[in-house]
Amino acid sequence: MKFKGLIVALVMVMVLAVASASYAQDPAKKLGRGLANILTGWVELPKNIYDVSVEDNPLAGLTIGLAKGVGMTIVRTGAGIYEVVTFPFPIPEDYGPVLEPEFVFSEE
């Protein structure tokens, strides 16, 4: 009788551990991604200036890169706010990222 109760308890613990881990990580990841994008959205400005300067030339970096950086700062920070507000809901499907790349320094 004790052995049967131990097996039932073990199976219940395993089922609960798998169920909570598979659900709890998705909204938490969305919340973390949103907070990270809110806090690091401003990094898009110098990043885009640098990227355009390296790809083209420093003058393009100071003009086109600056414009892209300002735009992406607004977009990334806005996406972060959206994800923080909607983190409990699976919007977009399966808590996917609103913006690609997910983070400012992720590879595209």
N, C-alpha and C. Protein backbone atom coordinates (compact mmCIF):
# COMPACT_ATOMS: atom_id res chain seq x y z
N MET A 1 0.82 -1.19 0.00
CA MET A 1 0.00 0.00 0.00
C MET A 1 0.87 1.26 0.00
N LYS A 2 1.95 1.26 0.81
CA LYS A 2 2.84 2.41 0.84
C LYS A 2 3.51 2.63 -0.51
N PHE A 3 3.90 1.55 -1.16
CA PHE A 3 4.58 1.63 -2.45
C PHE A 3 3.66 2.26 -3.50
N LYS A 4 2.39 1.88 -3.51
CA LYS A 4 1.42 2.42 -4.46
C LYS A 4 1.22 3.92 -4.20
N GLY A 5 1.12 4.33 -2.96
CA GLY A 5 0.96 5.74 -2.61
C GLY A 5 2.18 6.56 -3.01
N LEU A 6 3.36 5.98 -2.86
CA LEU A 6 4.59 6.65 -3.26
C LEU A 6 4.63 6.86 -4.76
N ILE A 7 4.22 5.87 -5.53
CA ILE A 7 4.20 5.98 -6.99
C ILE A 7 3.20 7.05 -7.42
N VAL A 8 2.01 7.05 -6.81
CA VAL A 8 1.00 8.05 -7.16
C VAL A 8 1.51 9.45 -6.84
N ALA A 9 2.13 9.63 -5.69
CA ALA A 9 2.67 10.93 -5.30
C ALA A 9 3.78 11.37 -6.26
N LEU A 10 4.64 10.45 -6.64
CA LEU A 10 5.72 10.76 -7.57
C LEU A 10 5.18 11.18 -8.93
N VAL A 11 4.18 10.46 -9.43
CA VAL A 11 3.58 10.80 -10.72
C VAL A 11 2.91 12.17 -10.65
N MET A 12 2.23 12.47 -9.56
CA MET A 12 1.57 13.77 -9.41
C MET A 12 2.59 14.91 -9.38
N VAL A 13 3.68 14.71 -8.68
CA VAL A 13 4.73 15.74 -8.63
C VAL A 13 5.32 15.97 -10.02
N MET A 14 5.56 14.89 -10.75
CA MET A 14 6.12 15.03 -12.10
C MET A 14 5.15 15.76 -13.04
N VAL A 15 3.89 15.42 -12.98
CA VAL A 15 2.90 16.07 -13.84
C VAL A 15 2.78 17.55 -13.50
N LEU A 16 2.72 17.87 -12.23
CA LEU A 16 2.61 19.27 -11.84
C LEU A 16 3.86 20.07 -12.18
N ALA A 17 5.01 19.46 -12.06
CA ALA A 17 6.26 20.15 -12.40
C ALA A 17 6.32 20.45 -13.88
N VAL A 18 5.94 19.52 -14.72
CA VAL A 18 5.97 19.73 -16.17
C VAL A 18 4.93 20.76 -16.57
N ALA A 19 3.73 20.67 -16.04
CA ALA A 19 2.65 21.58 -16.43
C ALA A 19 2.97 23.01 -16.03
N SER A 20 3.46 23.24 -14.84
CA SER A 20 3.73 24.60 -14.41
C SER A 20 4.94 25.19 -15.14
N ALA A 21 5.94 24.39 -15.42
CA ALA A 21 7.12 24.90 -16.10
C ALA A 21 6.82 25.26 -17.54
N SER A 22 5.99 24.49 -18.20
CA SER A 22 5.72 24.77 -19.61
C SER A 22 4.83 25.99 -19.78
N TYR A 23 3.98 26.31 -18.80
CA TYR A 23 3.12 27.48 -18.92
C TYR A 23 3.77 28.73 -18.31
N ALA A 24 4.41 28.57 -17.19
CA ALA A 24 4.91 29.73 -16.46
C ALA A 24 6.04 30.45 -17.18
N GLN A 25 6.76 29.80 -18.05
CA GLN A 25 7.88 30.45 -18.71
C GLN A 25 7.45 31.37 -19.84
N ASP A 26 6.36 31.10 -20.48
CA ASP A 26 5.96 31.92 -21.61
C ASP A 26 5.57 33.35 -21.23
N PRO A 27 4.63 33.55 -20.31
CA PRO A 27 4.32 34.93 -19.93
C PRO A 27 5.50 35.62 -19.25
N ALA A 28 6.27 34.87 -18.49
CA ALA A 28 7.42 35.46 -17.81
C ALA A 28 8.47 35.91 -18.83
N LYS A 29 8.67 35.12 -19.87
CA LYS A 29 9.64 35.51 -20.90
C LYS A 29 9.15 36.76 -21.63
N LYS A 30 7.84 36.82 -21.89
CA LYS A 30 7.28 38.00 -22.56
C LYS A 30 7.44 39.23 -21.68
N LEU A 31 7.19 39.09 -20.39
CA LEU A 31 7.36 40.20 -19.46
C LEU A 31 8.82 40.64 -19.40
N GLY A 32 9.73 39.69 -19.31
CA GLY A 32 11.15 40.01 -19.28
C GLY A 32 11.63 40.69 -20.55
N ARG A 33 11.15 40.18 -21.69
CA ARG A 33 11.50 40.79 -22.97
C ARG A 33 10.98 42.22 -23.04
N GLY A 34 9.75 42.44 -22.56
CA GLY A 34 9.19 43.78 -22.57
C GLY A 34 9.96 44.74 -21.68
N LEU A 35 10.30 44.28 -20.48
CA LEU A 35 11.08 45.13 -19.57
C LEU A 35 12.46 45.44 -20.14
N ALA A 36 13.08 44.43 -20.74
CA ALA A 36 14.41 44.65 -21.34
C ALA A 36 14.33 45.66 -22.47
N ASN A 37 13.28 45.58 -23.29
CA ASN A 37 13.15 46.52 -24.40
C ASN A 37 12.81 47.93 -23.93
N ILE A 38 12.08 48.04 -22.84
CA ILE A 38 11.81 49.38 -22.28
C ILE A 38 13.11 50.00 -21.77
N LEU A 39 13.89 49.21 -21.05
CA LEU A 39 15.11 49.73 -20.43
C LEU A 39 16.24 49.95 -21.43
N THR A 40 16.29 49.17 -22.51
CA THR A 40 17.41 49.29 -23.46
C THR A 40 16.99 49.85 -24.81
N GLY A 41 15.77 50.33 -24.94
CA GLY A 41 15.32 50.88 -26.21
C GLY A 41 16.18 52.03 -26.70
N TRP A 42 16.68 52.84 -25.78
CA TRP A 42 17.52 53.99 -26.14
C TRP A 42 18.83 53.58 -26.80
N VAL A 43 19.25 52.33 -26.61
CA VAL A 43 20.52 51.86 -27.18
C VAL A 43 20.42 51.77 -28.70
N GLU A 44 19.20 51.73 -29.24
CA GLU A 44 19.03 51.72 -30.69
C GLU A 44 19.66 52.95 -31.34
N LEU A 45 19.66 54.08 -30.67
CA LEU A 45 20.19 55.31 -31.24
C LEU A 45 21.69 55.20 -31.56
N PRO A 46 22.55 54.97 -30.58
CA PRO A 46 23.97 54.85 -30.94
C PRO A 46 24.27 53.61 -31.77
N LYS A 47 23.52 52.54 -31.58
CA LYS A 47 23.74 51.31 -32.36
C LYS A 47 23.51 51.56 -33.84
N ASN A 48 22.42 52.24 -34.19
CA ASN A 48 22.14 52.50 -35.60
C ASN A 48 23.12 53.50 -36.20
N ILE A 49 23.54 54.48 -35.43
CA ILE A 49 24.56 55.42 -35.92
C ILE A 49 25.83 54.66 -36.24
N TYR A 50 26.25 53.80 -35.33
CA TYR A 50 27.46 53.01 -35.55
C TYR A 50 27.32 52.06 -36.74
N ASP A 51 26.20 51.32 -36.79
CA ASP A 51 26.02 50.34 -37.87
C ASP A 51 26.04 51.00 -39.25
N VAL A 52 25.34 52.13 -39.39
CA VAL A 52 25.31 52.81 -40.68
C VAL A 52 26.68 53.42 -40.99
N SER A 53 27.38 53.91 -39.99
CA SER A 53 28.72 54.46 -40.21
C SER A 53 29.67 53.39 -40.71
N VAL A 54 29.57 52.19 -40.18
CA VAL A 54 30.45 51.10 -40.61
C VAL A 54 30.06 50.60 -42.00
N GLU A 55 28.76 50.48 -42.25
CA GLU A 55 28.30 49.97 -43.55
C GLU A 55 28.56 50.97 -44.68
N ASP A 56 28.30 52.25 -44.44
CA ASP A 56 28.43 53.25 -45.50
C ASP A 56 29.60 54.19 -45.21
N ASN A 57 29.33 55.25 -44.47
CA ASN A 57 30.38 56.20 -44.10
C ASN A 57 29.91 57.00 -42.89
N PRO A 58 30.81 57.73 -42.24
CA PRO A 58 30.43 58.46 -41.03
C PRO A 58 29.35 59.52 -41.25
N LEU A 59 29.34 60.16 -42.41
CA LEU A 59 28.31 61.16 -42.68
C LEU A 59 26.93 60.51 -42.74
N ALA A 60 26.84 59.37 -43.40
CA ALA A 60 25.57 58.63 -43.45
C ALA A 60 25.18 58.17 -42.05
N GLY A 61 26.16 57.80 -41.26
CA GLY A 61 25.87 57.39 -39.89
C GLY A 61 25.27 58.52 -39.06
N LEU A 62 25.78 59.73 -39.26
CA LEU A 62 25.27 60.87 -38.50
C LEU A 62 23.93 61.38 -39.00
N THR A 63 23.56 61.04 -40.21
CA THR A 63 22.28 61.50 -40.75
C THR A 63 21.26 60.35 -40.81
N ILE A 64 21.50 59.40 -41.69
CA ILE A 64 20.58 58.27 -41.85
C ILE A 64 20.56 57.41 -40.59
N GLY A 65 21.73 57.15 -40.02
CA GLY A 65 21.81 56.35 -38.80
C GLY A 65 21.09 57.00 -37.64
N LEU A 66 21.22 58.32 -37.55
CA LEU A 66 20.53 59.05 -36.49
C LEU A 66 19.01 58.93 -36.66
N ALA A 67 18.54 59.11 -37.89
CA ALA A 67 17.09 59.01 -38.16
C ALA A 67 16.58 57.58 -37.86
N LYS A 68 17.33 56.57 -38.32
CA LYS A 68 16.94 55.19 -38.03
C LYS A 68 16.97 54.91 -36.53
N GLY A 69 17.96 55.44 -35.86
CA GLY A 69 18.09 55.22 -34.43
C GLY A 69 16.94 55.83 -33.64
N VAL A 70 16.55 57.06 -33.99
CA VAL A 70 15.43 57.70 -33.31
C VAL A 70 14.16 56.89 -33.54
N GLY A 71 13.93 56.49 -34.79
CA GLY A 71 12.74 55.70 -35.11
C GLY A 71 12.72 54.36 -34.38
N MET A 72 13.84 53.66 -34.39
CA MET A 72 13.88 52.35 -33.73
C MET A 72 13.82 52.46 -32.21
N THR A 73 14.32 53.57 -31.65
CA THR A 73 14.20 53.78 -30.21
C THR A 73 12.72 53.86 -29.83
N ILE A 74 11.96 54.61 -30.61
CA ILE A 74 10.53 54.74 -30.34
C ILE A 74 9.82 53.40 -30.53
N VAL A 75 10.16 52.70 -31.62
CA VAL A 75 9.51 51.41 -31.91
C VAL A 75 9.84 50.38 -30.83
N ARG A 76 11.11 50.25 -30.47
CA ARG A 76 11.51 49.22 -29.50
C ARG A 76 10.93 49.52 -28.11
N THR A 77 10.96 50.76 -27.69
CA THR A 77 10.39 51.12 -26.39
C THR A 77 8.88 50.91 -26.39
N GLY A 78 8.22 51.27 -27.48
CA GLY A 78 6.77 51.04 -27.59
C GLY A 78 6.42 49.57 -27.58
N ALA A 79 7.21 48.75 -28.28
CA ALA A 79 6.98 47.31 -28.27
C ALA A 79 7.18 46.74 -26.87
N GLY A 80 8.16 47.26 -26.15
CA GLY A 80 8.38 46.82 -24.77
C GLY A 80 7.21 47.16 -23.87
N ILE A 81 6.68 48.36 -24.01
CA ILE A 81 5.51 48.76 -23.21
C ILE A 81 4.33 47.86 -23.55
N TYR A 82 4.11 47.61 -24.83
CA TYR A 82 3.01 46.73 -25.26
C TYR A 82 3.15 45.34 -24.65
N GLU A 83 4.37 44.79 -24.67
CA GLU A 83 4.57 43.44 -24.14
C GLU A 83 4.41 43.39 -22.63
N VAL A 84 4.80 44.43 -21.92
CA VAL A 84 4.61 44.45 -20.47
C VAL A 84 3.12 44.53 -20.13
N VAL A 85 2.38 45.33 -20.87
CA VAL A 85 0.94 45.48 -20.59
C VAL A 85 0.18 44.20 -20.93
N THR A 86 0.58 43.52 -22.01
CA THR A 86 -0.18 42.34 -22.48
C THR A 86 0.48 41.02 -22.11
N PHE A 87 1.46 41.00 -21.20
CA PHE A 87 2.18 39.76 -20.92
C PHE A 87 1.30 38.61 -20.44
N PRO A 88 0.19 38.82 -19.74
CA PRO A 88 -0.60 37.65 -19.31
C PRO A 88 -1.37 36.98 -20.45
N PHE A 89 -1.46 37.64 -21.58
CA PHE A 89 -2.28 37.13 -22.68
C PHE A 89 -1.39 36.62 -23.82
N PRO A 90 -1.77 35.52 -24.47
CA PRO A 90 -0.95 34.97 -25.56
C PRO A 90 -1.14 35.74 -26.87
N ILE A 91 -0.85 37.04 -26.83
CA ILE A 91 -0.95 37.89 -28.01
C ILE A 91 0.43 38.45 -28.28
N PRO A 92 1.05 38.27 -29.42
CA PRO A 92 0.70 37.39 -30.53
C PRO A 92 0.71 35.92 -30.11
N GLU A 93 0.36 35.08 -31.02
CA GLU A 93 0.19 33.66 -30.72
C GLU A 93 1.41 33.08 -30.02
N ASP A 94 1.16 32.33 -28.96
CA ASP A 94 2.19 31.65 -28.17
C ASP A 94 3.21 32.61 -27.57
N TYR A 95 2.77 33.81 -27.22
CA TYR A 95 3.63 34.80 -26.56
C TYR A 95 4.86 35.17 -27.40
N GLY A 96 4.72 35.11 -28.70
CA GLY A 96 5.84 35.42 -29.59
C GLY A 96 6.25 36.88 -29.51
N PRO A 97 7.44 37.20 -29.97
CA PRO A 97 7.90 38.59 -29.92
C PRO A 97 7.15 39.46 -30.92
N VAL A 98 6.92 40.70 -30.54
CA VAL A 98 6.26 41.66 -31.41
C VAL A 98 7.26 42.21 -32.42
N LEU A 99 8.50 42.27 -32.03
CA LEU A 99 9.55 42.90 -32.81
C LEU A 99 10.69 41.92 -33.04
N GLU A 100 11.23 41.91 -34.25
CA GLU A 100 12.40 41.07 -34.56
C GLU A 100 13.57 41.98 -34.86
N PRO A 101 14.71 41.78 -34.32
CA PRO A 101 15.09 40.80 -33.30
C PRO A 101 14.46 41.14 -31.96
N GLU A 102 14.36 40.14 -31.10
CA GLU A 102 13.70 40.31 -29.81
C GLU A 102 14.33 41.38 -28.94
N PHE A 103 15.65 41.43 -28.94
CA PHE A 103 16.39 42.36 -28.10
C PHE A 103 17.28 43.23 -28.96
N VAL A 104 17.72 44.34 -28.43
CA VAL A 104 18.49 45.31 -29.20
C VAL A 104 19.80 44.72 -29.74
N PHE A 105 20.45 43.84 -29.03
CA PHE A 105 21.71 43.28 -29.48
C PHE A 105 21.60 41.87 -30.03
N SER A 106 20.39 41.39 -30.29
CA SER A 106 20.22 40.07 -30.91
C SER A 106 20.57 40.16 -32.39
N GLU A 107 21.05 39.06 -32.93
CA GLU A 107 21.35 39.00 -34.36
C GLU A 107 20.06 38.92 -35.15
N GLU A 108 20.02 39.58 -36.28
CA GLU A 108 18.82 39.54 -37.12
C GLU A 108 18.76 38.32 -37.97
